[in-house]
Amino acid sequence: MADTAKAAILEYLEALPEKNNPAVKVVGHSTPAKVKPDSILFHKSKAISGHEVCAVEFEDAAGHKFDLTGFLAESNGEWVLTVSFLKRVGGRKIVTQTPLQAQLFSNTEGGYFGCGYVTGQSSEVAQVWLVFKDFVLQDLVEEKIVLFATDRVLGQPLRLEFYDAAAKLLATQNFPVSLSAW
């Protein structure tokens, strides 16, 4: 077992391709072939209260690039990957009427944890707000990725709001759209 969240992700990637792992949800494409270890790139992570959400990119032996969103939990000093989403880069695009959009994966066990990929005409987007009925989570966009984490258990979000560096609202995306949750 892993003693850090990063080590748990690396253990998981070394074991790919796994077929019947209940902790893995594959979005849009099949599980990758063997992972190239030197291609693993940890983009960002957010941790609270013994939980962490990580956004990782890697390439498999066939040359396909994948994004991995991992939700991890710590118990007795060991980190375990509880659920992950694999998405092949360049896969199906989500079509909305808005030029800015995000595909959001979320987990509500022990709090609310989410990972979003900002797509479309997103070069001006500096921050994304995830708006709930009585609460707002915010994150800065890094490499088109946003992560959300709170120890509060929250229901379905109402909308995403996209802001530029001057805090000007650029667009909104109402829910439910492009939301994958379990």
C-alpha atoms as a PDB file:
ATOM      1  CA  MET A   1       0.000   0.000   0.000  1.00  0.00           C
ATOM      2  CA  ALA A   2       1.065   3.576  -0.684  1.00  0.00           C
ATOM      3  CA  ASP A   3       2.125   6.080   1.955  1.00  0.00           C
ATOM      4  CA  THR A   4       1.255   9.134  -0.204  1.00  0.00           C
ATOM      5  CA  ALA A   5      -1.536   9.935  -2.644  1.00  0.00           C
ATOM      6  CA  LYS A   6       1.010  10.286  -5.448  1.00  0.00           C
ATOM      7  CA  ALA A   7       2.429   6.829  -4.682  1.00  0.00           C
ATOM      8  CA  ALA A   8      -1.096   5.355  -4.805  1.00  0.00           C
ATOM      9  CA  ILE A   9      -1.640   6.843  -8.273  1.00  0.00           C
ATOM     10  CA  LEU A  10       1.725   5.479  -9.454  1.00  0.00           C
ATOM     11  CA  GLU A  11       0.878   1.987  -8.101  1.00  0.00           C
ATOM     12  CA  TYR A  12      -2.434   2.101  -9.949  1.00  0.00           C
ATOM     13  CA  LEU A  13      -0.797   3.168 -13.227  1.00  0.00           C
ATOM     14  CA  GLU A  14       1.849   0.433 -12.948  1.00  0.00           C
ATOM     15  CA  ALA A  15      -0.944  -2.158 -12.676  1.00  0.00           C
ATOM     16  CA  LEU A  16      -2.744  -1.044 -15.865  1.00  0.00           C
ATOM     17  CA  PRO A  17      -4.325  -2.456 -17.874  1.00  0.00           C
ATOM     18  CA  GLU A  18      -6.746  -3.848 -15.298  1.00  0.00           C
ATOM     19  CA  LYS A  19     -10.029  -5.150 -16.491  1.00  0.00           C
ATOM     20  CA  ASN A  20     -12.576  -5.530 -13.691  1.00  0.00           C
ATOM     21  CA  ASN A  21     -11.478  -2.911 -11.171  1.00  0.00           C
ATOM     22  CA  PRO A  22     -14.629  -1.434  -9.536  1.00  0.00           C
ATOM     23  CA  ALA A  23     -12.692   1.690  -8.509  1.00  0.00           C
ATOM     24  CA  VAL A  24     -12.158   2.676 -12.150  1.00  0.00           C
ATOM     25  CA  LYS A  25     -14.678   4.363 -14.395  1.00  0.00           C
ATOM     26  CA  VAL A  26     -13.581   4.669 -18.015  1.00  0.00           C
ATOM     27  CA  VAL A  27     -15.131   7.616 -19.823  1.00  0.00           C
ATOM     28  CA  GLY A  28     -15.655   7.301 -23.574  1.00  0.00           C
ATOM     29  CA  HIS A  29     -12.880   4.828 -24.394  1.00  0.00           C
ATOM     30  CA  SER A  30     -11.350   1.567 -23.302  1.00  0.00           C
ATOM     31  CA  THR A  31      -8.690   1.085 -20.656  1.00  0.00           C
ATOM     32  CA  PRO A  32      -5.214   2.009 -21.908  1.00  0.00           C
ATOM     33  CA  ALA A  33      -2.449  -0.429 -22.735  1.00  0.00           C
ATOM     34  CA  LYS A  34       0.655  -0.561 -20.494  1.00  0.00           C
ATOM     35  CA  VAL A  35       1.583   2.929 -19.250  1.00  0.00           C
ATOM     36  CA  LYS A  36       4.898   4.521 -20.267  1.00  0.00           C
ATOM     37  CA  PRO A  37       6.373   5.436 -16.845  1.00  0.00           C
ATOM     38  CA  ASP A  38       8.327   8.428 -18.169  1.00  0.00           C
ATOM     39  CA  SER A  39       5.114   9.966 -19.580  1.00  0.00           C
ATOM     40  CA  ILE A  40       3.325  10.356 -16.211  1.00  0.00           C
ATOM     41  CA  LEU A  41       2.683  14.032 -15.439  1.00  0.00           C
ATOM     42  CA  PHE A  42       0.972  15.198 -12.234  1.00  0.00           C
ATOM     43  CA  HIS A  43      -0.813  18.431 -13.187  1.00  0.00           C
ATOM     44  CA  LYS A  44      -2.325  19.445  -9.868  1.00  0.00           C
ATOM     45  CA  SER A  45      -3.942  18.120  -6.733  1.00  0.00           C
ATOM     46  CA  LYS A  46      -6.073  19.357  -3.862  1.00  0.00           C
ATOM     47  CA  ALA A  47      -6.204  17.726  -0.431  1.00  0.00           C
ATOM     48  CA  ILE A  48      -8.432  18.065   2.633  1.00  0.00           C
ATOM     49  CA  SER A  49      -9.266  15.898   5.642  1.00  0.00           C
ATOM     50  CA  GLY A  50      -7.579  12.668   4.543  1.00  0.00           C
ATOM     51  CA  HIS A  51      -8.866  12.908   0.985  1.00  0.00           C
ATOM     52  CA  GLU A  52      -7.213  14.114  -2.202  1.00  0.00           C
ATOM     53  CA  VAL A  53      -8.208  14.666  -5.803  1.00  0.00           C
ATOM     54  CA  CYS A  54      -5.469  14.531  -8.459  1.00  0.00           C
ATOM     55  CA  ALA A  55      -5.329  15.343 -12.161  1.00  0.00           C
ATOM     56  CA  VAL A  56      -2.728  13.263 -14.000  1.00  0.00           C
ATOM     57  CA  GLU A  57      -1.822  12.795 -17.666  1.00  0.00           C
ATOM     58  CA  PHE A  58       0.024   9.840 -19.180  1.00  0.00           C
ATOM     59  CA  GLU A  59       0.660   7.990 -22.415  1.00  0.00           C
ATOM     60  CA  ASP A  60       0.228   4.275 -23.006  1.00  0.00           C
ATOM     61  CA  ALA A  61       2.481   1.948 -24.992  1.00  0.00           C
ATOM     62  CA  ALA A  62       0.291   2.441 -28.064  1.00  0.00           C
ATOM     63  CA  GLY A  63       0.975   6.195 -27.982  1.00  0.00           C
ATOM     64  CA  HIS A  64      -2.510   7.246 -26.790  1.00  0.00           C
ATOM     65  CA  LYS A  65      -2.651  10.076 -24.246  1.00  0.00           C
ATOM     66  CA  PHE A  66      -5.006   9.815 -21.276  1.00  0.00           C
ATOM     67  CA  ASP A  67      -6.233  12.089 -18.494  1.00  0.00           C
ATOM     68  CA  LEU A  68      -6.731  10.471 -15.105  1.00  0.00           C
ATOM     69  CA  THR A  69      -8.807  12.037 -12.365  1.00  0.00           C
ATOM     70  CA  GLY A  70      -8.129  10.176  -9.136  1.00  0.00           C
ATOM     71  CA  PHE A  71     -10.016  10.418  -5.854  1.00  0.00           C
ATOM     72  CA  LEU A  72      -7.991   9.075  -2.953  1.00  0.00           C
ATOM     73  CA  ALA A  73      -8.626   8.410   0.733  1.00  0.00           C
ATOM     74  CA  GLU A  74      -6.105   8.007   3.558  1.00  0.00           C
ATOM     75  CA  SER A  75      -6.652   5.389   6.233  1.00  0.00           C
ATOM     76  CA  ASN A  76      -4.145   4.389   8.919  1.00  0.00           C
ATOM     77  CA  GLY A  77      -1.292   6.092   7.071  1.00  0.00           C
ATOM     78  CA  GLU A  78      -2.007   4.400   3.731  1.00  0.00           C
ATOM     79  CA  TRP A  79      -3.480   6.067   0.650  1.00  0.00           C
ATOM     80  CA  VAL A  80      -5.933   4.166  -1.520  1.00  0.00           C
ATOM     81  CA  LEU A  81      -7.341   5.150  -4.894  1.00  0.00           C
ATOM     82  CA  THR A  82     -11.082   4.925  -4.284  1.00  0.00           C
ATOM     83  CA  VAL A  83     -12.356   5.953  -7.703  1.00  0.00           C
ATOM     84  CA  SER A  84     -10.778   7.206 -10.868  1.00  0.00           C
ATOM     85  CA  PHE A  85     -11.900   8.376 -14.263  1.00  0.00           C
ATOM     86  CA  LEU A  86      -9.832   7.648 -17.347  1.00  0.00           C
ATOM     87  CA  LYS A  87     -10.449   9.711 -20.441  1.00  0.00           C
ATOM     88  CA  ARG A  88      -8.543   9.435 -23.664  1.00  0.00           C
ATOM     89  CA  VAL A  89      -7.315  12.847 -24.785  1.00  0.00           C
ATOM     90  CA  GLY A  90      -8.876  13.804 -28.084  1.00  0.00           C
ATOM     91  CA  GLY A  91     -11.913  11.658 -27.389  1.00  0.00           C
ATOM     92  CA  ARG A  92     -15.528  12.747 -27.723  1.00  0.00           C
ATOM     93  CA  LYS A  93     -16.094  16.444 -27.190  1.00  0.00           C
ATOM     94  CA  ILE A  94     -19.070  17.763 -25.298  1.00  0.00           C
ATOM     95  CA  VAL A  95     -21.124  20.107 -27.425  1.00  0.00           C
ATOM     96  CA  THR A  96     -23.003  22.974 -25.792  1.00  0.00           C
ATOM     97  CA  GLN A  97     -24.135  26.346 -27.041  1.00  0.00           C
ATOM     98  CA  THR A  98     -21.595  28.072 -24.864  1.00  0.00           C
ATOM     99  CA  PRO A  99     -18.003  28.459 -26.096  1.00  0.00           C
ATOM    100  CA  LEU A 100     -16.760  27.720 -22.570  1.00  0.00           C
ATOM    101  CA  GLN A 101     -17.609  24.433 -20.960  1.00  0.00           C
ATOM    102  CA  ALA A 102     -16.267  21.988 -18.408  1.00  0.00           C
ATOM    103  CA  GLN A 103     -16.595  18.281 -18.022  1.00  0.00           C
ATOM    104  CA  LEU A 104     -16.872  17.676 -14.295  1.00  0.00           C
ATOM    105  CA  PHE A 105     -16.256  14.451 -12.394  1.00  0.00           C
ATOM    106  CA  SER A 106     -17.272  14.490  -8.747  1.00  0.00           C
ATOM    107  CA  ASN A 107     -17.266  12.395  -5.588  1.00  0.00           C
ATOM    108  CA  THR A 108     -19.326  13.180  -2.499  1.00  0.00           C
ATOM    109  CA  GLU A 109     -17.968  10.590  -0.054  1.00  0.00           C
ATOM    110  CA  GLY A 110     -16.491  12.424   2.957  1.00  0.00           C
ATOM    111  CA  GLY A 111     -17.103  15.825   1.364  1.00  0.00           C
ATOM    112  CA  TYR A 112     -17.321  17.176  -2.144  1.00  0.00           C
ATOM    113  CA  PHE A 113     -14.421  16.621  -4.533  1.00  0.00           C
ATOM    114  CA  GLY A 114     -14.513  17.540  -8.191  1.00  0.00           C
ATOM    115  CA  CYS A 115     -12.255  17.824 -11.193  1.00  0.00           C
ATOM    116  CA  GLY A 116     -13.125  19.818 -14.285  1.00  0.00           C
ATOM    117  CA  TYR A 117     -11.520  20.174 -17.689  1.00  0.00           C
ATOM    118  CA  VAL A 118     -12.213  23.585 -19.218  1.00  0.00           C
ATOM    119  CA  THR A 119     -12.655  23.265 -22.973  1.00  0.00           C
ATOM    120  CA  GLY A 120     -13.774  25.406 -25.865  1.00  0.00           C
ATOM    121  CA  GLN A 121     -12.524  28.975 -26.181  1.00  0.00           C
ATOM    122  CA  SER A 122     -11.000  28.912 -22.707  1.00  0.00           C
ATOM    123  CA  SER A 123      -7.740  30.881 -23.016  1.00  0.00           C
ATOM    124  CA  GLU A 124      -9.185  33.870 -21.127  1.00  0.00           C
ATOM    125  CA  VAL A 125     -10.598  31.800 -18.254  1.00  0.00           C
ATOM    126  CA  ALA A 126      -8.540  32.309 -15.097  1.00  0.00           C
ATOM    127  CA  GLN A 127     -10.954  31.003 -12.460  1.00  0.00           C
ATOM    128  CA  VAL A 128     -13.987  28.733 -12.272  1.00  0.00           C
ATOM    129  CA  TRP A 129     -16.645  28.850  -9.579  1.00  0.00           C
ATOM    130  CA  LEU A 130     -18.776  25.799  -8.827  1.00  0.00           C
ATOM    131  CA  VAL A 131     -22.023  27.201  -7.452  1.00  0.00           C
ATOM    132  CA  PHE A 132     -24.328  25.234  -5.128  1.00  0.00           C
ATOM    133  CA  LYS A 133     -27.575  26.403  -3.484  1.00  0.00           C
ATOM    134  CA  ASP A 134     -25.815  27.702  -0.334  1.00  0.00           C
ATOM    135  CA  PHE A 135     -22.102  27.366  -1.123  1.00  0.00           C
ATOM    136  CA  VAL A 136     -19.482  28.232  -3.759  1.00  0.00           C
ATOM    137  CA  LEU A 137     -16.217  26.409  -4.498  1.00  0.00           C
ATOM    138  CA  GLN A 138     -13.543  28.248  -6.498  1.00  0.00           C
ATOM    139  CA  ASP A 139     -10.340  27.233  -8.244  1.00  0.00           C
ATOM    140  CA  LEU A 140      -7.768  28.810 -10.516  1.00  0.00           C
ATOM    141  CA  VAL A 141      -7.443  27.282 -13.969  1.00  0.00           C
ATOM    142  CA  GLU A 142      -4.071  25.600 -14.506  1.00  0.00           C
ATOM    143  CA  GLU A 143      -3.468  23.815 -17.806  1.00  0.00           C
ATOM    144  CA  LYS A 144      -7.262  23.945 -18.370  1.00  0.00           C
ATOM    145  CA  ILE A 145      -7.829  21.961 -15.148  1.00  0.00           C
ATOM    146  CA  VAL A 146      -9.824  22.969 -12.062  1.00  0.00           C
ATOM    147  CA  LEU A 147     -10.118  20.983  -8.830  1.00  0.00           C
ATOM    148  CA  PHE A 148     -12.714  21.462  -6.124  1.00  0.00           C
ATOM    149  CA  ALA A 149     -12.570  20.114  -2.578  1.00  0.00           C
ATOM    150  CA  THR A 150     -14.449  20.716   0.649  1.00  0.00           C
ATOM    151  CA  ASP A 151     -15.221  18.592   3.674  1.00  0.00           C
ATOM    152  CA  ARG A 152     -18.875  19.684   3.373  1.00  0.00           C
ATOM    153  CA  VAL A 153     -21.244  17.170   1.812  1.00  0.00           C
ATOM    154  CA  LEU A 154     -23.016  19.097  -0.930  1.00  0.00           C
ATOM    155  CA  GLY A 155     -25.805  18.186  -3.284  1.00  0.00           C
ATOM    156  CA  GLN A 156     -25.958  18.692  -7.030  1.00  0.00           C
ATOM    157  CA  PRO A 157     -24.254  21.906  -8.178  1.00  0.00           C
ATOM    158  CA  LEU A 158     -26.439  24.527  -9.839  1.00  0.00           C
ATOM    159  CA  ARG A 159     -23.910  25.957 -12.299  1.00  0.00           C
ATOM    160  CA  LEU A 160     -20.310  26.668 -13.223  1.00  0.00           C
ATOM    161  CA  GLU A 161     -19.202  30.279 -13.641  1.00  0.00           C
ATOM    162  CA  PHE A 162     -16.154  31.176 -15.741  1.00  0.00           C
ATOM    163  CA  TYR A 163     -14.163  34.329 -14.836  1.00  0.00           C
ATOM    164  CA  ASP A 164     -11.198  36.100 -16.412  1.00  0.00           C
ATOM    165  CA  ALA A 165      -8.160  37.443 -14.503  1.00  0.00           C
ATOM    166  CA  ALA A 166     -10.001  40.707 -13.728  1.00  0.00           C
ATOM    167  CA  ALA A 167     -12.886  38.735 -12.134  1.00  0.00           C
ATOM    168  CA  LYS A 168     -15.231  39.531 -15.040  1.00  0.00           C
ATOM    169  CA  LEU A 169     -17.873  36.854 -15.607  1.00  0.00           C
ATOM    170  CA  LEU A 170     -17.332  35.360 -19.077  1.00  0.00           C
ATOM    171  CA  ALA A 171     -19.918  32.580 -19.169  1.00  0.00           C
ATOM    172  CA  THR A 172     -22.026  30.204 -17.111  1.00  0.00           C
ATOM    173  CA  GLN A 173     -22.886  26.548 -17.530  1.00  0.00           C
ATOM    174  CA  ASN A 174     -26.001  25.261 -15.810  1.00  0.00           C
ATOM    175  CA  PHE A 175     -26.415  21.718 -14.500  1.00  0.00           C
ATOM    176  CA  PRO A 176     -27.118  19.019 -15.298  1.00  0.00           C
ATOM    177  CA  VAL A 177     -24.784  19.007 -18.276  1.00  0.00           C
ATOM    178  CA  SER A 178     -21.629  16.939 -18.742  1.00  0.00           C
ATOM    179  CA  LEU A 179     -21.711  15.811 -15.106  1.00  0.00           C
ATOM    180  CA  SER A 180     -20.456  12.379 -14.207  1.00  0.00           C
ATOM    181  CA  ALA A 181     -21.008  11.418 -10.589  1.00  0.00           C
ATOM    182  CA  TRP A 182     -21.342   8.262  -8.617  1.00  0.00           C
END
